[in-house]
Amino acid sequence: MNGEGTGSLDPKGPNAESIADTWWLMLGLGVAVFVLFAVLLGVGLFRRGRTGEAAPSERRWIVGGGVLLPVVVLVVVFGSTVAAMRTLSEDAPPGALVVEVTGHQWFFEVDYPAEGVSTVGELHLPVGQPVEFHLTSADVIHSFWVPELGGKMDMLPDGVNVLVLEADEPGEWGTQCAEFCGLEHATMRLTVVAETPADFAAWIERQQ
């Protein structure tokens, strides 16, 4: 299976699923608010010939649509965002696979320190297991992002950022640096392969 990736709205891991759920919720609420606004605008234009003080029912619409509805929408979006952030901030369990990814101009260096394996431009991870990524840069700021698995994180030359990702199913996706990093930024690509634990162990053995 090979491909350029299907994007963050086709999640293949719990982190990406949380992000996609929040996006779809915000889209649905946005469409609902737009439709309601359009209907009320149409009603207002249709009845614009009327004069005099607004009826109590009209005042209730103003209070409900102009005050209560935005509050409800904001509370729902805030709750969904907090839930997604809690999922994204979870730590990897003890003994989880650690992968060090270093950004260079213009390639990704991938190291498996406990296994003594290093690759360039190719990342393998086992399905169904949280993986702890240690992200850094050897020169300028880069950004690591596999849309199908989760949110992106910057790779800084003066520090290490930690990101935990998990793949729910086998697959292969192409991605690239998500932060402009110089003239060859567009060629800084990474192939991500999620495979069964047995296939991953066999791949590690072949690299050693």
N, C-alpha and C. Protein backbone atom coordinates (compact mmCIF):
# COMPACT_ATOMS: atom_id res chain seq x y z
N MET A 1 0.86 -1.21 0.00
CA MET A 1 0.00 0.00 0.00
C MET A 1 0.88 1.24 0.00
N ASN A 2 0.68 2.09 -0.93
CA ASN A 2 1.52 3.28 -1.02
C ASN A 2 0.64 4.46 -1.40
N GLY A 3 0.97 5.62 -0.88
CA GLY A 3 0.15 6.77 -1.21
C GLY A 3 0.73 8.03 -0.64
N GLU A 4 0.18 9.13 -1.08
CA GLU A 4 0.63 10.43 -0.61
C GLU A 4 -0.10 10.88 0.64
N GLY A 5 -0.95 10.02 1.18
CA GLY A 5 -1.69 10.41 2.38
C GLY A 5 -3.08 10.90 2.03
N THR A 6 -4.00 10.60 2.91
CA THR A 6 -5.39 10.98 2.67
C THR A 6 -5.80 12.18 3.49
N GLY A 7 -4.95 12.64 4.41
CA GLY A 7 -5.23 13.86 5.13
C GLY A 7 -5.81 13.64 6.51
N SER A 8 -5.88 14.73 7.26
CA SER A 8 -6.28 14.68 8.66
C SER A 8 -7.76 14.37 8.84
N LEU A 9 -8.58 14.48 7.78
CA LEU A 9 -10.00 14.17 7.90
C LEU A 9 -10.30 12.70 7.61
N ASP A 10 -9.26 11.91 7.38
CA ASP A 10 -9.39 10.45 7.26
C ASP A 10 -8.43 9.84 8.28
N PRO A 11 -8.75 9.97 9.58
CA PRO A 11 -7.80 9.62 10.64
C PRO A 11 -7.51 8.12 10.70
N LYS A 12 -6.25 7.80 11.02
CA LYS A 12 -5.81 6.43 11.18
C LYS A 12 -5.24 6.19 12.58
N GLY A 13 -5.52 7.10 13.51
CA GLY A 13 -5.04 6.97 14.87
C GLY A 13 -5.90 7.78 15.82
N PRO A 14 -5.82 7.51 17.13
CA PRO A 14 -6.68 8.20 18.10
C PRO A 14 -6.47 9.71 18.15
N ASN A 15 -5.23 10.16 18.03
CA ASN A 15 -4.99 11.60 18.05
C ASN A 15 -5.64 12.30 16.86
N ALA A 16 -5.42 11.74 15.68
CA ALA A 16 -6.02 12.33 14.48
C ALA A 16 -7.54 12.25 14.53
N GLU A 17 -8.07 11.19 15.13
CA GLU A 17 -9.53 11.06 15.23
C GLU A 17 -10.12 12.16 16.11
N SER A 18 -9.43 12.49 17.21
CA SER A 18 -9.91 13.58 18.08
C SER A 18 -9.92 14.91 17.34
N ILE A 19 -8.86 15.16 16.56
CA ILE A 19 -8.78 16.40 15.80
C ILE A 19 -9.87 16.45 14.73
N ALA A 20 -10.08 15.34 14.03
CA ALA A 20 -11.11 15.30 12.98
C ALA A 20 -12.50 15.47 13.57
N ASP A 21 -12.76 14.85 14.72
CA ASP A 21 -14.08 15.00 15.35
C ASP A 21 -14.36 16.46 15.70
N THR A 22 -13.34 17.14 16.22
CA THR A 22 -13.51 18.56 16.56
C THR A 22 -13.77 19.38 15.30
N TRP A 23 -13.06 19.08 14.23
CA TRP A 23 -13.25 19.82 12.97
C TRP A 23 -14.66 19.63 12.44
N TRP A 24 -15.14 18.38 12.41
CA TRP A 24 -16.49 18.13 11.89
C TRP A 24 -17.55 18.78 12.77
N LEU A 25 -17.33 18.77 14.09
CA LEU A 25 -18.28 19.43 14.99
C LEU A 25 -18.35 20.93 14.69
N MET A 26 -17.18 21.56 14.54
CA MET A 26 -17.16 23.00 14.26
C MET A 26 -17.81 23.29 12.90
N LEU A 27 -17.57 22.43 11.92
CA LEU A 27 -18.20 22.63 10.60
C LEU A 27 -19.71 22.52 10.71
N GLY A 28 -20.19 21.49 11.42
CA GLY A 28 -21.63 21.31 11.57
C GLY A 28 -22.29 22.48 12.28
N LEU A 29 -21.66 22.94 13.36
CA LEU A 29 -22.21 24.09 14.08
C LEU A 29 -22.19 25.34 13.21
N GLY A 30 -21.11 25.52 12.46
CA GLY A 30 -21.01 26.68 11.58
C GLY A 30 -22.10 26.69 10.52
N VAL A 31 -22.34 25.52 9.92
CA VAL A 31 -23.40 25.42 8.90
C VAL A 31 -24.76 25.69 9.52
N ALA A 32 -25.00 25.13 10.72
CA ALA A 32 -26.30 25.33 11.39
C ALA A 32 -26.53 26.80 11.70
N VAL A 33 -25.50 27.47 12.21
CA VAL A 33 -25.64 28.90 12.53
C VAL A 33 -25.87 29.70 11.26
N PHE A 34 -25.15 29.37 10.19
CA PHE A 34 -25.33 30.09 8.92
C PHE A 34 -26.75 29.93 8.39
N VAL A 35 -27.26 28.70 8.42
CA VAL A 35 -28.62 28.46 7.92
C VAL A 35 -29.64 29.22 8.76
N LEU A 36 -29.46 29.18 10.09
CA LEU A 36 -30.39 29.90 10.96
C LEU A 36 -30.35 31.40 10.69
N PHE A 37 -29.13 31.92 10.52
CA PHE A 37 -28.99 33.35 10.22
C PHE A 37 -29.67 33.70 8.89
N ALA A 38 -29.47 32.85 7.89
CA ALA A 38 -30.07 33.11 6.58
C ALA A 38 -31.59 33.10 6.66
N VAL A 39 -32.15 32.15 7.43
CA VAL A 39 -33.61 32.08 7.58
C VAL A 39 -34.14 33.32 8.28
N LEU A 40 -33.48 33.70 9.39
CA LEU A 40 -33.94 34.87 10.13
C LEU A 40 -33.79 36.15 9.29
N LEU A 41 -32.71 36.22 8.51
CA LEU A 41 -32.54 37.38 7.64
C LEU A 41 -33.65 37.44 6.61
N GLY A 42 -33.98 36.29 6.04
CA GLY A 42 -35.07 36.27 5.06
C GLY A 42 -36.40 36.67 5.67
N VAL A 43 -36.68 36.18 6.87
CA VAL A 43 -37.92 36.56 7.56
C VAL A 43 -37.94 38.05 7.83
N GLY A 44 -36.78 38.58 8.28
CA GLY A 44 -36.71 40.02 8.57
C GLY A 44 -36.93 40.87 7.34
N LEU A 45 -36.34 40.46 6.21
CA LEU A 45 -36.53 41.22 4.97
C LEU A 45 -37.96 41.12 4.48
N PHE A 46 -38.56 39.96 4.66
CA PHE A 46 -39.94 39.77 4.21
C PHE A 46 -40.92 40.64 5.01
N ARG A 47 -40.58 40.85 6.28
CA ARG A 47 -41.49 41.60 7.16
C ARG A 47 -41.01 43.02 7.42
N ARG A 48 -40.08 43.50 6.59
CA ARG A 48 -39.47 44.78 6.89
C ARG A 48 -40.44 45.96 6.76
N GLY A 49 -41.57 45.73 6.10
CA GLY A 49 -42.54 46.81 5.96
C GLY A 49 -43.27 47.13 7.26
N ARG A 50 -43.20 46.23 8.21
CA ARG A 50 -43.90 46.45 9.46
C ARG A 50 -43.18 47.52 10.28
N THR A 51 -43.96 48.30 11.00
CA THR A 51 -43.38 49.33 11.85
C THR A 51 -43.90 49.16 13.26
N GLY A 52 -43.29 49.90 14.17
CA GLY A 52 -43.75 49.85 15.55
C GLY A 52 -42.82 49.03 16.41
N GLU A 53 -43.17 48.90 17.66
CA GLU A 53 -42.33 48.21 18.64
C GLU A 53 -42.37 46.71 18.38
N ALA A 54 -41.23 46.06 18.62
CA ALA A 54 -41.15 44.62 18.41
C ALA A 54 -42.05 43.89 19.39
N ALA A 55 -42.68 42.84 18.91
CA ALA A 55 -43.54 42.02 19.76
C ALA A 55 -42.67 41.22 20.73
N PRO A 56 -43.26 40.75 21.85
CA PRO A 56 -42.49 39.94 22.80
C PRO A 56 -41.84 38.73 22.15
N SER A 57 -42.54 38.08 21.22
CA SER A 57 -41.96 36.91 20.56
C SER A 57 -40.72 37.29 19.76
N GLU A 58 -40.71 38.46 19.16
CA GLU A 58 -39.54 38.92 18.40
C GLU A 58 -38.38 39.22 19.33
N ARG A 59 -38.70 39.79 20.50
CA ARG A 59 -37.62 40.06 21.46
C ARG A 59 -37.00 38.76 21.96
N ARG A 60 -37.82 37.73 22.11
CA ARG A 60 -37.28 36.44 22.54
C ARG A 60 -36.33 35.88 21.50
N TRP A 61 -36.66 36.08 20.22
CA TRP A 61 -35.75 35.64 19.16
C TRP A 61 -34.42 36.38 19.24
N ILE A 62 -34.48 37.67 19.54
CA ILE A 62 -33.25 38.46 19.63
C ILE A 62 -32.37 37.94 20.77
N VAL A 63 -33.00 37.70 21.92
CA VAL A 63 -32.24 37.21 23.08
C VAL A 63 -31.71 35.80 22.82
N GLY A 64 -32.58 34.94 22.29
CA GLY A 64 -32.17 33.56 22.06
C GLY A 64 -31.13 33.43 20.97
N GLY A 65 -31.38 34.11 19.83
CA GLY A 65 -30.46 33.99 18.71
C GLY A 65 -29.20 34.81 18.86
N GLY A 66 -29.31 35.95 19.54
CA GLY A 66 -28.15 36.83 19.63
C GLY A 66 -27.29 36.63 20.85
N VAL A 67 -27.85 36.01 21.90
CA VAL A 67 -27.10 35.84 23.14
C VAL A 67 -26.92 34.37 23.50
N LEU A 68 -28.04 33.66 23.64
CA LEU A 68 -27.97 32.28 24.13
C LEU A 68 -27.33 31.34 23.11
N LEU A 69 -27.69 31.47 21.84
CA LEU A 69 -27.15 30.57 20.83
C LEU A 69 -25.62 30.65 20.73
N PRO A 70 -25.02 31.85 20.65
CA PRO A 70 -23.55 31.90 20.62
C PRO A 70 -22.91 31.30 21.87
N VAL A 71 -23.54 31.49 23.03
CA VAL A 71 -22.99 30.91 24.26
C VAL A 71 -23.01 29.38 24.18
N VAL A 72 -24.11 28.81 23.71
CA VAL A 72 -24.20 27.36 23.58
C VAL A 72 -23.15 26.83 22.60
N VAL A 73 -23.00 27.50 21.46
CA VAL A 73 -22.02 27.07 20.47
C VAL A 73 -20.61 27.12 21.04
N LEU A 74 -20.27 28.21 21.73
CA LEU A 74 -18.93 28.34 22.30
C LEU A 74 -18.67 27.29 23.36
N VAL A 75 -19.66 26.99 24.20
CA VAL A 75 -19.49 25.98 25.24
C VAL A 75 -19.25 24.60 24.62
N VAL A 76 -20.01 24.26 23.59
CA VAL A 76 -19.85 22.97 22.93
C VAL A 76 -18.48 22.85 22.28
N VAL A 77 -18.06 23.90 21.56
CA VAL A 77 -16.75 23.87 20.90
C VAL A 77 -15.63 23.82 21.94
N PHE A 78 -15.77 24.59 23.02
CA PHE A 78 -14.75 24.59 24.07
C PHE A 78 -14.63 23.20 24.70
N GLY A 79 -15.77 22.57 24.99
CA GLY A 79 -15.73 21.23 25.58
C GLY A 79 -15.08 20.22 24.67
N SER A 80 -15.41 20.27 23.39
CA SER A 80 -14.81 19.35 22.43
C SER A 80 -13.31 19.58 22.30
N THR A 81 -12.89 20.84 22.31
CA THR A 81 -11.47 21.17 22.20
C THR A 81 -10.70 20.68 23.42
N VAL A 82 -11.25 20.87 24.61
CA VAL A 82 -10.59 20.40 25.83
C VAL A 82 -10.44 18.88 25.80
N ALA A 83 -11.49 18.17 25.37
CA ALA A 83 -11.43 16.72 25.29
C ALA A 83 -10.34 16.27 24.31
N ALA A 84 -10.24 16.95 23.17
CA ALA A 84 -9.21 16.61 22.18
C ALA A 84 -7.82 16.89 22.73
N MET A 85 -7.66 18.00 23.44
CA MET A 85 -6.35 18.35 23.99
C MET A 85 -5.91 17.34 25.04
N ARG A 86 -6.85 16.80 25.81
CA ARG A 86 -6.50 15.79 26.80
C ARG A 86 -5.98 14.53 26.12
N THR A 87 -6.60 14.17 25.00
CA THR A 87 -6.12 13.00 24.25
C THR A 87 -4.74 13.26 23.67
N LEU A 88 -4.52 14.46 23.13
CA LEU A 88 -3.25 14.78 22.49
C LEU A 88 -2.11 14.89 23.49
N SER A 89 -2.41 15.22 24.75
CA SER A 89 -1.36 15.43 25.75
C SER A 89 -1.04 14.19 26.56
N GLU A 90 -1.67 13.06 26.25
CA GLU A 90 -1.41 11.84 27.01
C GLU A 90 0.02 11.37 26.78
N ASP A 91 0.65 10.88 27.87
CA ASP A 91 2.01 10.36 27.78
C ASP A 91 1.99 8.92 27.28
N ALA A 92 3.10 8.52 26.70
CA ALA A 92 3.24 7.13 26.28
C ALA A 92 3.42 6.26 27.52
N PRO A 93 2.94 5.02 27.49
CA PRO A 93 3.11 4.13 28.65
C PRO A 93 4.57 3.76 28.83
N PRO A 94 4.96 3.34 30.04
CA PRO A 94 6.35 2.91 30.27
C PRO A 94 6.73 1.79 29.31
N GLY A 95 7.94 1.87 28.80
CA GLY A 95 8.42 0.84 27.88
C GLY A 95 8.00 1.03 26.44
N ALA A 96 7.35 2.15 26.14
CA ALA A 96 6.91 2.39 24.76
C ALA A 96 8.12 2.60 23.84
N LEU A 97 7.92 2.30 22.57
CA LEU A 97 8.96 2.52 21.58
C LEU A 97 9.29 4.00 21.49
N VAL A 98 10.58 4.32 21.53
CA VAL A 98 11.05 5.70 21.40
C VAL A 98 11.72 5.86 20.04
N VAL A 99 11.28 6.87 19.30
CA VAL A 99 11.86 7.17 17.99
C VAL A 99 12.34 8.61 18.00
N GLU A 100 13.60 8.81 17.64
CA GLU A 100 14.17 10.16 17.56
C GLU A 100 14.17 10.61 16.10
N VAL A 101 13.54 11.74 15.85
CA VAL A 101 13.48 12.28 14.48
C VAL A 101 14.17 13.64 14.47
N THR A 102 15.18 13.77 13.63
CA THR A 102 15.95 15.01 13.53
C THR A 102 15.77 15.61 12.15
N GLY A 103 15.39 16.88 12.13
CA GLY A 103 15.23 17.58 10.86
C GLY A 103 16.54 18.18 10.39
N HIS A 104 16.86 17.98 9.14
CA HIS A 104 18.03 18.57 8.49
C HIS A 104 17.55 19.30 7.24
N GLN A 105 18.35 20.24 6.76
CA GLN A 105 18.09 20.82 5.45
C GLN A 105 18.69 19.88 4.39
N TRP A 106 17.91 19.05 3.68
CA TRP A 106 16.46 18.98 3.70
C TRP A 106 16.05 17.52 3.70
N PHE A 107 16.19 16.89 4.86
CA PHE A 107 15.79 15.48 5.00
C PHE A 107 15.51 15.18 6.48
N PHE A 108 14.79 14.09 6.70
CA PHE A 108 14.50 13.62 8.05
C PHE A 108 15.43 12.45 8.39
N GLU A 109 16.10 12.56 9.51
CA GLU A 109 16.88 11.45 10.05
C GLU A 109 16.06 10.78 11.15
N VAL A 110 15.87 9.47 11.04
CA VAL A 110 15.03 8.73 11.98
C VAL A 110 15.90 7.70 12.70
N ASP A 111 15.93 7.78 14.03
CA ASP A 111 16.76 6.88 14.83
C ASP A 111 15.90 6.11 15.83
N TYR A 112 16.21 4.83 15.96
CA TYR A 112 15.60 3.96 16.98
C TYR A 112 16.71 3.62 17.97
N PRO A 113 16.91 4.44 19.00
CA PRO A 113 18.10 4.30 19.85
C PRO A 113 18.20 2.95 20.56
N ALA A 114 17.11 2.43 21.05
CA ALA A 114 17.17 1.16 21.78
C ALA A 114 17.46 -0.01 20.84
N GLU A 115 17.10 0.13 19.57
CA GLU A 115 17.29 -0.95 18.60
C GLU A 115 18.58 -0.78 17.80
N GLY A 116 19.21 0.40 17.90
CA GLY A 116 20.43 0.65 17.15
C GLY A 116 20.20 0.75 15.65
N VAL A 117 19.07 1.32 15.25
CA VAL A 117 18.71 1.41 13.83
C VAL A 117 18.53 2.88 13.45
N SER A 118 19.01 3.25 12.27
CA SER A 118 18.84 4.61 11.75
C SER A 118 18.41 4.55 10.29
N THR A 119 17.54 5.46 9.90
CA THR A 119 17.11 5.55 8.51
C THR A 119 17.05 7.02 8.11
N VAL A 120 16.93 7.26 6.83
CA VAL A 120 16.76 8.62 6.30
C VAL A 120 15.52 8.64 5.41
N GLY A 121 14.58 9.52 5.75
CA GLY A 121 13.40 9.69 4.92
C GLY A 121 12.38 8.58 5.01
N GLU A 122 12.53 7.68 5.98
CA GLU A 122 11.60 6.56 6.11
C GLU A 122 11.37 6.25 7.58
N LEU A 123 10.10 6.20 7.97
CA LEU A 123 9.73 5.97 9.36
C LEU A 123 8.81 4.77 9.45
N HIS A 124 9.16 3.79 10.28
CA HIS A 124 8.33 2.61 10.51
C HIS A 124 7.85 2.62 11.95
N LEU A 125 6.60 2.20 12.16
CA LEU A 125 6.07 2.09 13.51
C LEU A 125 5.07 0.95 13.58
N PRO A 126 4.95 0.30 14.74
CA PRO A 126 4.02 -0.82 14.88
C PRO A 126 2.59 -0.33 15.12
N VAL A 127 1.64 -1.05 14.56
CA VAL A 127 0.23 -0.71 14.72
C VAL A 127 -0.25 -1.06 16.14
N GLY A 128 -1.12 -0.21 16.68
CA GLY A 128 -1.74 -0.50 17.96
C GLY A 128 -0.88 -0.23 19.17
N GLN A 129 0.25 0.44 18.99
CA GLN A 129 1.15 0.74 20.10
C GLN A 129 1.51 2.22 20.09
N PRO A 130 1.31 2.93 21.21
CA PRO A 130 1.75 4.33 21.27
C PRO A 130 3.26 4.42 21.07
N VAL A 131 3.68 5.37 20.26
CA VAL A 131 5.10 5.58 19.99
C VAL A 131 5.47 6.98 20.45
N GLU A 132 6.56 7.08 21.18
CA GLU A 132 7.01 8.37 21.70
C GLU A 132 8.09 8.94 20.77
N PHE A 133 7.77 10.04 20.12
CA PHE A 133 8.70 10.68 19.20
C PHE A 133 9.43 11.82 19.90
N HIS A 134 10.74 11.83 19.79
CA HIS A 134 11.57 12.93 20.27
C HIS A 134 12.01 13.72 19.04
N LEU A 135 11.54 14.94 18.94
CA LEU A 135 11.71 15.74 17.73
C LEU A 135 12.68 16.89 17.98
N THR A 136 13.67 17.01 17.10
CA THR A 136 14.63 18.11 17.20
C THR A 136 15.12 18.46 15.80
N SER A 137 15.98 19.47 15.73
CA SER A 137 16.51 19.93 14.44
C SER A 137 18.02 20.13 14.54
N ALA A 138 18.69 19.87 13.44
CA ALA A 138 20.14 20.07 13.39
C ALA A 138 20.51 21.44 12.85
N ASP A 139 19.53 22.21 12.37
CA ASP A 139 19.86 23.52 11.79
C ASP A 139 18.75 24.55 12.04
N VAL A 140 17.77 24.62 11.16
CA VAL A 140 16.69 25.61 11.30
C VAL A 140 15.44 24.93 11.85
N ILE A 141 14.38 25.71 12.02
CA ILE A 141 13.12 25.14 12.51
C ILE A 141 12.43 24.35 11.40
N HIS A 142 12.13 23.10 11.70
CA HIS A 142 11.33 22.25 10.82
C HIS A 142 10.04 21.91 11.57
N SER A 143 9.16 21.16 10.93
CA SER A 143 7.93 20.74 11.60
C SER A 143 7.55 19.34 11.15
N PHE A 144 7.22 18.50 12.14
CA PHE A 144 6.87 17.10 11.91
C PHE A 144 5.36 16.95 11.91
N TRP A 145 4.80 16.39 10.84
CA TRP A 145 3.35 16.25 10.76
C TRP A 145 2.99 15.06 9.89
N VAL A 146 2.29 14.10 10.50
CA VAL A 146 1.68 13.00 9.77
C VAL A 146 0.18 13.17 9.93
N PRO A 147 -0.51 13.83 8.99
CA PRO A 147 -1.92 14.20 9.18
C PRO A 147 -2.82 13.04 9.56
N GLU A 148 -2.55 11.85 9.03
CA GLU A 148 -3.41 10.70 9.32
C GLU A 148 -3.27 10.21 10.76
N LEU A 149 -2.20 10.61 11.45
CA LEU A 149 -1.95 10.10 12.80
C LEU A 149 -2.11 11.15 13.89
N GLY A 150 -1.98 12.43 13.58
CA GLY A 150 -2.14 13.44 14.63
C GLY A 150 -1.64 14.80 14.23
N GLY A 151 -1.63 15.70 15.20
CA GLY A 151 -1.24 17.08 14.96
C GLY A 151 0.24 17.24 14.73
N LYS A 152 0.61 18.39 14.19
CA LYS A 152 2.02 18.64 13.88
C LYS A 152 2.73 19.28 15.07
N MET A 153 4.06 19.14 15.07
CA MET A 153 4.86 19.73 16.14
C MET A 153 6.17 20.23 15.56
N ASP A 154 6.62 21.40 16.02
CA ASP A 154 7.86 21.98 15.52
C ASP A 154 9.07 21.19 16.01
N MET A 155 10.10 21.23 15.18
CA MET A 155 11.39 20.62 15.50
C MET A 155 12.38 21.77 15.64
N LEU A 156 12.85 21.99 16.86
CA LEU A 156 13.66 23.17 17.18
C LEU A 156 15.13 22.79 17.31
N PRO A 157 16.03 23.67 16.85
CA PRO A 157 17.47 23.36 16.93
C PRO A 157 18.03 23.42 18.34
N ASP A 158 17.31 24.01 19.28
CA ASP A 158 17.85 24.16 20.63
C ASP A 158 17.04 23.40 21.67
N GLY A 159 16.31 22.38 21.26
CA GLY A 159 15.51 21.63 22.22
C GLY A 159 14.89 20.40 21.60
N VAL A 160 14.20 19.64 22.45
CA VAL A 160 13.53 18.41 22.02
C VAL A 160 12.05 18.50 22.40
N ASN A 161 11.19 18.35 21.42
CA ASN A 161 9.74 18.27 21.67
C ASN A 161 9.31 16.81 21.61
N VAL A 162 8.38 16.45 22.48
CA VAL A 162 7.91 15.06 22.56
C VAL A 162 6.48 14.98 22.04
N LEU A 163 6.24 14.03 21.16
CA LEU A 163 4.92 13.81 20.57
C LEU A 163 4.62 12.32 20.61
N VAL A 164 3.43 11.97 21.09
CA VAL A 164 3.01 10.56 21.15
C VAL A 164 1.95 10.32 20.08
N LEU A 165 2.22 9.36 19.20
CA LEU A 165 1.29 9.00 18.13
C LEU A 165 1.05 7.50 18.13
N GLU A 166 -0.08 7.13 17.58
CA GLU A 166 -0.42 5.70 17.48
C GLU A 166 -1.20 5.47 16.19
N ALA A 167 -0.86 4.41 15.49
CA ALA A 167 -1.57 4.03 14.27
C ALA A 167 -2.56 2.91 14.59
N ASP A 168 -3.79 3.04 14.10
CA ASP A 168 -4.82 2.04 14.35
C ASP A 168 -4.80 0.90 13.34
N GLU A 169 -4.22 1.13 12.18
CA GLU A 169 -4.25 0.12 11.13
C GLU A 169 -3.01 0.26 10.25
N PRO A 170 -2.62 -0.83 9.58
CA PRO A 170 -1.46 -0.75 8.69
C PRO A 170 -1.72 0.21 7.54
N GLY A 171 -0.66 0.83 7.08
CA GLY A 171 -0.78 1.74 5.96
C GLY A 171 0.54 2.41 5.67
N GLU A 172 0.60 3.09 4.56
CA GLU A 172 1.79 3.85 4.17
C GLU A 172 1.36 5.21 3.67
N TRP A 173 1.98 6.24 4.22
CA TRP A 173 1.60 7.61 3.87
C TRP A 173 2.84 8.44 3.58
N GLY A 174 2.72 9.34 2.64
CA GLY A 174 3.78 10.28 2.36
C GLY A 174 3.47 11.62 2.99
N THR A 175 4.46 12.22 3.61
CA THR A 175 4.29 13.54 4.20
C THR A 175 5.57 14.33 3.98
N GLN A 176 5.60 15.55 4.46
CA GLN A 176 6.79 16.38 4.28
C GLN A 176 6.87 17.39 5.41
N CYS A 177 7.98 18.09 5.48
CA CYS A 177 8.17 19.12 6.49
C CYS A 177 7.03 20.14 6.38
N ALA A 178 6.47 20.50 7.54
CA ALA A 178 5.31 21.40 7.55
C ALA A 178 5.68 22.82 7.97
N GLU A 179 6.96 23.16 7.89
CA GLU A 179 7.43 24.51 8.22
C GLU A 179 8.44 24.92 7.15
N PHE A 180 8.23 26.05 6.49
CA PHE A 180 9.16 26.48 5.45
C PHE A 180 10.57 26.57 6.04
N CYS A 181 11.51 25.87 5.40
CA CYS A 181 12.85 25.75 5.99
C CYS A 181 13.97 26.04 4.99
N GLY A 182 13.64 26.69 3.88
CA GLY A 182 14.68 27.03 2.92
C GLY A 182 14.30 26.66 1.50
N LEU A 183 15.25 26.80 0.60
CA LEU A 183 14.98 26.65 -0.83
C LEU A 183 14.45 25.28 -1.21
N GLU A 184 14.92 24.22 -0.56
CA GLU A 184 14.51 22.86 -0.92
C GLU A 184 13.46 22.31 0.03
N HIS A 185 12.72 23.20 0.67
CA HIS A 185 11.69 22.77 1.63
C HIS A 185 10.72 21.75 1.02
N ALA A 186 10.31 21.97 -0.21
CA ALA A 186 9.30 21.11 -0.84
C ALA A 186 9.81 19.69 -1.07
N THR A 187 11.12 19.49 -1.06
CA THR A 187 11.67 18.15 -1.29
C THR A 187 11.96 17.41 0.01
N MET A 188 11.69 18.03 1.14
CA MET A 188 11.97 17.40 2.44
C MET A 188 10.79 16.50 2.80
N ARG A 189 10.86 15.26 2.32
CA ARG A 189 9.74 14.34 2.43
C ARG A 189 10.06 13.18 3.37
N LEU A 190 8.97 12.55 3.83
CA LEU A 190 9.10 11.42 4.75
C LEU A 190 8.04 10.38 4.41
N THR A 191 8.46 9.14 4.28
CA THR A 191 7.52 8.03 4.09
C THR A 191 7.26 7.37 5.43
N VAL A 192 6.00 7.27 5.80
CA VAL A 192 5.60 6.69 7.09
C VAL A 192 4.92 5.36 6.83
N VAL A 193 5.43 4.31 7.46
CA VAL A 193 4.90 2.96 7.27
C VAL A 193 4.43 2.43 8.62
N ALA A 194 3.13 2.17 8.72
CA ALA A 194 2.57 1.52 9.91
C ALA A 194 2.33 0.06 9.56
N GLU A 195 2.86 -0.84 10.38
CA GLU A 195 2.77 -2.27 10.08
C GLU A 195 2.50 -3.06 11.35
N THR A 196 2.12 -4.29 11.19
CA THR A 196 1.84 -5.13 12.35
C THR A 196 3.09 -5.25 13.21
N PRO A 197 2.94 -5.50 14.51
CA PRO A 197 4.13 -5.65 15.37
C PRO A 197 5.10 -6.70 14.84
N ALA A 198 4.59 -7.79 14.28
CA ALA A 198 5.48 -8.83 13.75
C ALA A 198 6.27 -8.31 12.55
N ASP A 199 5.60 -7.60 11.65
CA ASP A 199 6.29 -7.05 10.49
C ASP A 199 7.29 -5.97 10.91
N PHE A 200 6.93 -5.18 11.91
CA PHE A 200 7.84 -4.15 12.40
C PHE A 200 9.09 -4.79 13.00
N ALA A 201 8.90 -5.84 13.81
CA ALA A 201 10.05 -6.53 14.41
C ALA A 201 10.95 -7.12 13.33
N ALA A 202 10.33 -7.67 12.28
CA ALA A 202 11.12 -8.23 11.19
C ALA A 202 11.89 -7.14 10.46
N TRP A 203 11.27 -5.98 10.27
CA TRP A 203 11.95 -4.86 9.61
C TRP A 203 13.14 -4.38 10.44
N ILE A 204 12.94 -4.26 11.74
CA ILE A 204 14.04 -3.85 12.63
C ILE A 204 15.19 -4.84 12.53
N GLU A 205 14.87 -6.12 12.52
CA GLU A 205 15.91 -7.15 12.45
C GLU A 205 16.69 -7.05 11.15
N ARG A 206 16.02 -6.74 10.05
CA ARG A 206 16.71 -6.61 8.77
C ARG A 206 17.64 -5.40 8.75
N GLN A 207 17.30 -4.35 9.51
CA GLN A 207 18.12 -3.13 9.51
C GLN A 207 19.35 -3.25 10.40
N GLN A 208 19.33 -4.19 11.33
CA GLN A 208 20.43 -4.28 12.31
C GLN A 208 21.65 -4.99 11.72
